[in-house]
Structure formats: structure tokens, C-alpha cells
C-alpha atoms as a PDB file:
ATOM      1  CA  UNK A   1      -0.040   0.023   0.205  1.00  0.00           C
ATOM      2  CA  UNK A   2       3.015   2.205   0.947  1.00  0.00           C
ATOM      3  CA  UNK A   3       4.285   1.418  -2.361  1.00  0.00           C
ATOM      4  CA  UNK A   4       1.453   2.608  -4.378  1.00  0.00           C
ATOM      5  CA  UNK A   5       1.095   5.932  -2.246  1.00  0.00           C
ATOM      6  CA  UNK A   6       4.813   6.600  -3.039  1.00  0.00           C
ATOM      7  CA  UNK A   7       4.034   5.562  -6.665  1.00  0.00           C
ATOM      8  CA  UNK A   8       1.077   7.612  -6.772  1.00  0.00           C
ATOM      9  CA  UNK A   9       3.026  10.720  -5.568  1.00  0.00           C
ATOM     10  CA  UNK A  10       5.743  10.447  -8.051  1.00  0.00           C
ATOM     11  CA  UNK A  11       3.528   9.914 -10.825  1.00  0.00           C
ATOM     12  CA  UNK A  12       1.316  12.934 -10.026  1.00  0.00           C
ATOM     13  CA  UNK A  13       4.255  14.858  -9.488  1.00  0.00           C
ATOM     14  CA  UNK A  14       5.475  14.065 -12.926  1.00  0.00           C
ATOM     15  CA  UNK A  15       2.182  15.177 -14.450  1.00  0.00           C
ATOM     16  CA  UNK A  16       2.521  18.450 -12.538  1.00  0.00           C
ATOM     17  CA  UNK A  17       5.964  19.088 -13.538  1.00  0.00           C
ATOM     18  CA  UNK A  18       5.181  18.119 -17.162  1.00  0.00           C
ATOM     19  CA  UNK A  19       2.115  20.293 -17.388  1.00  0.00           C
ATOM     20  CA  UNK A  20       3.900  23.340 -15.882  1.00  0.00           C
ATOM     21  CA  UNK A  21       7.129  23.381 -17.740  1.00  0.00           C
ATOM     22  CA  UNK A  22       6.536  21.631 -20.726  1.00  0.00           C
ATOM     23  CA  UNK A  23       4.521  24.089 -22.930  1.00  0.00           C
ATOM     24  CA  UNK A  24       5.924  26.650 -25.449  1.00  0.00           C
ATOM     25  CA  UNK A  25       5.041  30.393 -25.215  1.00  0.00           C
ATOM     26  CA  UNK A  26       2.336  31.041 -27.844  1.00  0.00           C
ATOM     27  CA  UNK A  27       3.635  33.052 -30.767  1.00  0.00           C
ATOM     28  CA  UNK A  28       2.147  36.566 -31.043  1.00  0.00           C
ATOM     29  CA  UNK A  29       2.134  36.572 -34.804  1.00  0.00           C
ATOM     30  CA  UNK A  30       0.548  32.714 -34.898  1.00  0.00           C
ATOM     31  CA  UNK A  31      -2.056  32.594 -37.715  1.00  0.00           C
ATOM     32  CA  UNK A  32      -0.908  36.120 -39.087  1.00  0.00           C
ATOM     33  CA  UNK A  33       0.360  36.894 -42.331  1.00  0.00           C
ATOM     34  CA  UNK A  34       2.604  40.050 -42.981  1.00  0.00           C
ATOM     35  CA  UNK A  35       0.909  42.254 -45.961  1.00  0.00           C
ATOM     36  CA  UNK A  36       2.986  43.764 -48.210  1.00  0.00           C
ATOM     37  CA  UNK A  37       1.957  47.202 -49.453  1.00  0.00           C
ATOM     38  CA  UNK A  38       2.749  48.286 -52.914  1.00  0.00           C
ATOM     39  CA  UNK A  39       4.795  51.301 -53.349  1.00  0.00           C
ATOM     40  CA  UNK A  40       5.168  51.702 -49.348  1.00  0.00           C
ATOM     41  CA  UNK A  41       8.733  51.403 -49.451  1.00  0.00           C
ATOM     42  CA  UNK A  42       9.047  54.770 -51.962  1.00  0.00           C
ATOM     43  CA  UNK A  43       6.824  56.589 -49.294  1.00  0.00           C
ATOM     44  CA  UNK A  44       9.467  57.097 -46.556  1.00  0.00           C
ATOM     45  CA  UNK A  45      11.145  60.505 -45.679  1.00  0.00           C
ATOM     46  CA  UNK A  46      14.716  60.631 -46.368  1.00  0.00           C
ATOM     47  CA  UNK A  47      17.546  63.191 -45.289  1.00  0.00           C
ATOM     48  CA  UNK A  48      17.382  64.281 -49.020  1.00  0.00           C
ATOM     49  CA  UNK A  49      13.586  64.373 -49.933  1.00  0.00           C
ATOM     50  CA  UNK A  50      10.018  64.286 -48.574  1.00  0.00           C
ATOM     51  CA  UNK A  51       8.141  61.407 -49.747  1.00  0.00           C
ATOM     52  CA  UNK A  52       4.717  59.935 -49.111  1.00  0.00           C
ATOM     53  CA  UNK A  53       2.750  57.078 -50.288  1.00  0.00           C
ATOM     54  CA  UNK A  54      -1.206  56.513 -50.646  1.00  0.00           C
ATOM     55  CA  UNK A  55      -4.087  53.967 -51.628  1.00  0.00           C
ATOM     56  CA  UNK A  56      -7.242  54.633 -52.631  1.00  0.00           C
ATOM     57  CA  UNK A  57     -10.093  52.405 -54.266  1.00  0.00           C
ATOM     58  CA  UNK A  58     -12.608  52.963 -56.421  1.00  0.00           C
ATOM     59  CA  UNK A  59     -14.882  51.398 -59.052  1.00  0.00           C
ATOM     60  CA  UNK A  60     -13.526  53.685 -61.856  1.00  0.00           C
ATOM     61  CA  UNK A  61      -9.734  53.236 -62.656  1.00  0.00           C
ATOM     62  CA  UNK A  62      -9.218  56.965 -63.266  1.00  0.00           C
ATOM     63  CA  UNK A  63     -10.757  57.749 -60.246  1.00  0.00           C
ATOM     64  CA  UNK A  64      -8.777  55.182 -58.043  1.00  0.00           C
ATOM     65  CA  UNK A  65      -5.552  56.877 -59.620  1.00  0.00           C
ATOM     66  CA  UNK A  66      -6.635  60.377 -58.687  1.00  0.00           C
ATOM     67  CA  UNK A  67      -7.691  59.742 -55.243  1.00  0.00           C
ATOM     68  CA  UNK A  68      -4.633  58.128 -54.396  1.00  0.00           C
ATOM     69  CA  UNK A  69      -2.487  60.798 -56.023  1.00  0.00           C
ATOM     70  CA  UNK A  70      -4.336  63.332 -53.751  1.00  0.00           C
ATOM     71  CA  UNK A  71      -4.061  61.348 -50.734  1.00  0.00           C
ATOM     72  CA  UNK A  72      -0.102  61.079 -51.415  1.00  0.00           C
ATOM     73  CA  UNK A  73      -0.113  64.856 -52.130  1.00  0.00           C
ATOM     74  CA  UNK A  74      -1.860  65.728 -48.828  1.00  0.00           C
ATOM     75  CA  UNK A  75       0.333  63.236 -46.918  1.00  0.00           C
ATOM     76  CA  UNK A  76       3.521  64.664 -48.413  1.00  0.00           C
ATOM     77  CA  UNK A  77       2.224  68.583 -47.614  1.00  0.00           C
ATOM     78  CA  UNK A  78       1.522  67.835 -44.084  1.00  0.00           C
ATOM     79  CA  UNK A  79       5.190  66.179 -43.800  1.00  0.00           C
ATOM     80  CA  UNK A  80       6.777  69.360 -45.468  1.00  0.00           C
ATOM     81  CA  UNK A  81       4.548  71.489 -43.315  1.00  0.00           C
ATOM     82  CA  UNK A  82       5.612  69.894 -40.007  1.00  0.00           C
ATOM     83  CA  UNK A  83       9.287  69.790 -40.984  1.00  0.00           C
ATOM     84  CA  UNK A  84       9.266  73.649 -41.652  1.00  0.00           C
ATOM     85  CA  UNK A  85       7.341  74.539 -38.824  1.00  0.00           C
ATOM     86  CA  UNK A  86      10.134  72.752 -36.328  1.00  0.00           C
ATOM     87  CA  UNK A  87      12.747  74.423 -38.331  1.00  0.00           C
ATOM     88  CA  UNK A  88      10.964  77.760 -38.256  1.00  0.00           C
ATOM     89  CA  UNK A  89      10.467  77.200 -34.331  1.00  0.00           C
ATOM     90  CA  UNK A  90      14.298  76.308 -33.851  1.00  0.00           C
ATOM     91  CA  UNK A  91      15.611  79.119 -36.189  1.00  0.00           C
ATOM     92  CA  UNK A  92      12.945  81.749 -34.410  1.00  0.00           C
ATOM     93  CA  UNK A  93      14.114  80.577 -31.094  1.00  0.00           C
ATOM     94  CA  UNK A  94      17.523  82.274 -31.558  1.00  0.00           C
ATOM     95  CA  UNK A  95      15.839  85.749 -32.560  1.00  0.00           C
ATOM     96  CA  UNK A  96      14.934  88.237 -30.063  1.00  0.00           C
ATOM     97  CA  UNK A  97      11.575  88.402 -28.638  1.00  0.00           C
ATOM     98  CA  UNK A  98       9.967  91.003 -30.857  1.00  0.00           C
ATOM     99  CA  UNK A  99      11.197  89.615 -34.394  1.00  0.00           C
ATOM    100  CA  UNK A 100      10.357  86.088 -33.029  1.00  0.00           C
ATOM    101  CA  UNK A 101       6.693  85.962 -33.118  1.00  0.00           C
ATOM    102  CA  UNK A 102       6.378  88.047 -36.622  1.00  0.00           C
ATOM    103  CA  UNK A 103       8.604  85.754 -38.379  1.00  0.00           C
ATOM    104  CA  UNK A 104       7.253  82.669 -37.010  1.00  0.00           C
ATOM    105  CA  UNK A 105       3.615  83.873 -38.312  1.00  0.00           C
ATOM    106  CA  UNK A 106       4.807  85.459 -41.574  1.00  0.00           C
ATOM    107  CA  UNK A 107       7.107  82.457 -42.502  1.00  0.00           C
ATOM    108  CA  UNK A 108       4.850  79.617 -41.832  1.00  0.00           C
ATOM    109  CA  UNK A 109       1.679  81.375 -43.863  1.00  0.00           C
ATOM    110  CA  UNK A 110       4.181  81.802 -46.808  1.00  0.00           C
ATOM    111  CA  UNK A 111       5.407  78.038 -46.344  1.00  0.00           C
ATOM    112  CA  UNK A 112       1.793  77.024 -46.945  1.00  0.00           C
ATOM    113  CA  UNK A 113       1.518  78.968 -49.742  1.00  0.00           C
ATOM    114  CA  UNK A 114       4.745  77.762 -51.276  1.00  0.00           C
ATOM    115  CA  UNK A 115       3.666  73.919 -50.648  1.00  0.00           C
ATOM    116  CA  UNK A 116       0.349  74.102 -52.244  1.00  0.00           C
ATOM    117  CA  UNK A 117       1.989  75.798 -55.276  1.00  0.00           C
ATOM    118  CA  UNK A 118       4.792  73.154 -55.636  1.00  0.00           C
ATOM    119  CA  UNK A 119       2.417  69.947 -55.022  1.00  0.00           C
ATOM    120  CA  UNK A 120       1.211  70.404 -58.844  1.00  0.00           C
ATOM    121  CA  UNK A 121       4.879  69.617 -59.730  1.00  0.00           C
ATOM    122  CA  UNK A 122       5.665  66.566 -57.273  1.00  0.00           C
ATOM    123  CA  UNK A 123       7.648  63.538 -58.811  1.00  0.00           C
ATOM    124  CA  UNK A 124       5.566  60.316 -58.923  1.00  0.00           C
ATOM    125  CA  UNK A 125       8.190  57.535 -58.012  1.00  0.00           C
ATOM    126  CA  UNK A 126       5.884  54.517 -57.944  1.00  0.00           C
ATOM    127  CA  UNK A 127       2.589  53.544 -59.379  1.00  0.00           C
ATOM    128  CA  UNK A 128       0.643  50.318 -59.238  1.00  0.00           C
ATOM    129  CA  UNK A 129      -2.893  49.323 -59.772  1.00  0.00           C
ATOM    130  CA  UNK A 130      -4.695  46.314 -59.123  1.00  0.00           C
ATOM    131  CA  UNK A 131      -8.430  44.961 -59.747  1.00  0.00           C
ATOM    132  CA  UNK A 132     -10.042  44.922 -56.331  1.00  0.00           C
ATOM    133  CA  UNK A 133     -11.644  42.076 -54.322  1.00  0.00           C
ATOM    134  CA  UNK A 134     -15.301  42.361 -54.873  1.00  0.00           C
ATOM    135  CA  UNK A 135     -14.644  44.584 -58.082  1.00  0.00           C
ATOM    136  CA  UNK A 136     -13.441  47.993 -58.884  1.00  0.00           C
ATOM    137  CA  UNK A 137      -9.727  49.170 -58.729  1.00  0.00           C
ATOM    138  CA  UNK A 138      -7.268  49.962 -56.122  1.00  0.00           C
ATOM    139  CA  UNK A 139      -4.429  52.164 -57.001  1.00  0.00           C
ATOM    140  CA  UNK A 140      -1.073  52.546 -54.822  1.00  0.00           C
ATOM    141  CA  UNK A 141       0.954  55.778 -55.481  1.00  0.00           C
ATOM    142  CA  UNK A 142       4.004  57.307 -53.754  1.00  0.00           C
ATOM    143  CA  UNK A 143       5.403  60.963 -54.495  1.00  0.00           C
ATOM    144  CA  UNK A 144       8.719  62.862 -53.705  1.00  0.00           C
ATOM    145  CA  UNK A 145       9.603  66.168 -53.480  1.00  0.00           C
ATOM    146  CA  UNK A 146      13.456  66.805 -53.067  1.00  0.00           C
ATOM    147  CA  UNK A 147      14.562  69.010 -50.099  1.00  0.00           C
ATOM    148  CA  UNK A 148      16.926  71.289 -52.177  1.00  0.00           C
ATOM    149  CA  UNK A 149      13.289  72.106 -54.111  1.00  0.00           C
ATOM    150  CA  UNK A 150      11.309  72.948 -51.262  1.00  0.00           C
ATOM    151  CA  UNK A 151      14.196  75.275 -49.728  1.00  0.00           C
ATOM    152  CA  UNK A 152      14.915  77.176 -52.851  1.00  0.00           C
ATOM    153  CA  UNK A 153      11.198  77.922 -53.413  1.00  0.00           C
ATOM    154  CA  UNK A 154      10.397  78.982 -49.849  1.00  0.00           C
ATOM    155  CA  UNK A 155      13.926  81.257 -50.317  1.00  0.00           C
ATOM    156  CA  UNK A 156      12.727  82.796 -53.674  1.00  0.00           C
ATOM    157  CA  UNK A 157       9.120  83.565 -52.001  1.00  0.00           C
ATOM    158  CA  UNK A 158      11.347  85.087 -48.896  1.00  0.00           C
ATOM    159  CA  UNK A 159      13.451  87.416 -51.346  1.00  0.00           C
ATOM    160  CA  UNK A 160      10.006  89.085 -52.600  1.00  0.00           C
ATOM    161  CA  UNK A 161       8.794  89.738 -48.956  1.00  0.00           C
ATOM    162  CA  UNK A 162      11.053  92.553 -48.020  1.00  0.00           C
ATOM    163  CA  UNK A 163      10.314  92.499 -44.069  1.00  0.00           C
ATOM    164  CA  UNK A 164      11.042  88.600 -43.921  1.00  0.00           C
ATOM    165  CA  UNK A 165      14.231  89.036 -46.148  1.00  0.00           C
ATOM    166  CA  UNK A 166      15.525  91.122 -43.605  1.00  0.00           C
ATOM    167  CA  UNK A 167      15.002  88.733 -40.608  1.00  0.00           C
ATOM    168  CA  UNK A 168      16.086  86.042 -42.673  1.00  0.00           C
ATOM    169  CA  UNK A 169      19.902  84.459 -42.312  1.00  0.00           C
ATOM    170  CA  UNK A 170      19.904  82.241 -45.099  1.00  0.00           C
ATOM    171  CA  UNK A 171      22.908  80.025 -43.924  1.00  0.00           C
ATOM    172  CA  UNK A 172      21.567  79.515 -40.178  1.00  0.00           C
ATOM    173  CA  UNK A 173      18.187  78.514 -41.769  1.00  0.00           C
ATOM    174  CA  UNK A 174      19.612  75.911 -44.242  1.00  0.00           C
ATOM    175  CA  UNK A 175      21.729  74.756 -41.407  1.00  0.00           C
ATOM    176  CA  UNK A 176      18.495  74.020 -38.996  1.00  0.00           C
ATOM    177  CA  UNK A 177      16.450  72.568 -42.153  1.00  0.00           C
ATOM    178  CA  UNK A 178      19.375  70.252 -42.548  1.00  0.00           C
ATOM    179  CA  UNK A 179      19.410  69.200 -39.097  1.00  0.00           C
ATOM    180  CA  UNK A 180      15.803  68.517 -39.147  1.00  0.00           C
ATOM    181  CA  UNK A 181      16.146  66.559 -42.170  1.00  0.00           C
ATOM    182  CA  UNK A 182      18.888  64.290 -40.905  1.00  0.00           C
ATOM    183  CA  UNK A 183      16.111  63.290 -38.169  1.00  0.00           C
ATOM    184  CA  UNK A 184      13.879  61.783 -40.898  1.00  0.00           C
END
């Protein structure tokens, strides 16, 4: 009887150890499939260019293309404006208090105008089109605008505004712009 009790305890102990330590951790990605989105690799900003990618669906192929291009341009404009806002704040922080606020406000409104003008001349770096599940079409687009093109256009606009031109130090501003672009 004592042998049976000891054997029972040993068997029970073996089952407990087997159930506690023997299982493998569940994988978070088990049963999931990674998606590859066309043109996405062409939509990441670099230190030399602003980039964006987008997708759109429509029953009409041309409409899907136009919507994807518009979405990509909007994303590109937001990226450019955000970067320039950061550069402007960094640049203006070195100015005296009186000129700082005036420069920031004038420069940011000028930047929006310039970005909106230049969006018509963005370079399309990737276009892919597919028939969508359930009908219609899906368009994938990536666009780009070089940093030099952006800053040159902004500088040309500043040179037309005498008040901004007086407060503007080209070399210092380009240095701040390059620092911000290197973070991308």
C-alpha cells in the first residue's frame, strides 16, 4: 500500500512538472500573415527628400488613381509643413522676442502657400494598380519632392517679402533645415 502511495505521488509530481514547464509560449504572430503594401517603400522620408505614399479604391480606375495621388500629396504637404514648422521654431528661438513671433507667423503662412504651389510639380516615384476584391480598382501611389526644391522655393518667396528678407539668415536657416532633415 505504501508503495502504491509513493508511486502515486511520483506520478502526480511528474504530471504537475510536465504540465507547468513543458509548454512553449504562444507566438503573437501565429496565424497572421504580414502584408506587403505596394509603393510603401517609396513613401518614407529621407534626409534628401520628402516622400509619401497612399492608396485609394474606386469602381473607376482613373478615379482610384486621382484619389491615391491626392491622398499622397496631402500626406506629403503635411510632412513638409510639419518639418518646416519645426525648423522655423528652432530658427526663431535664436531671434529676439519682438522679431520671433512676427517671423514665425509670416514664415509659416508663406510656407503653406509655397507648398500648395509646389504640389503640382511633385515627382511620382511609384504607381501600381490592381483589380480589387469584389470589383473595382485599387491604386497605390508614392510621390516625392526634393529638400533642395522645397527650400529654394521658400527662399525665392522670402526674397519677394522685404520684411522677411531682413530677418532671414540663409545659412543659419539652411543649417537648421538640414539638421531637421537628418532626423527623418
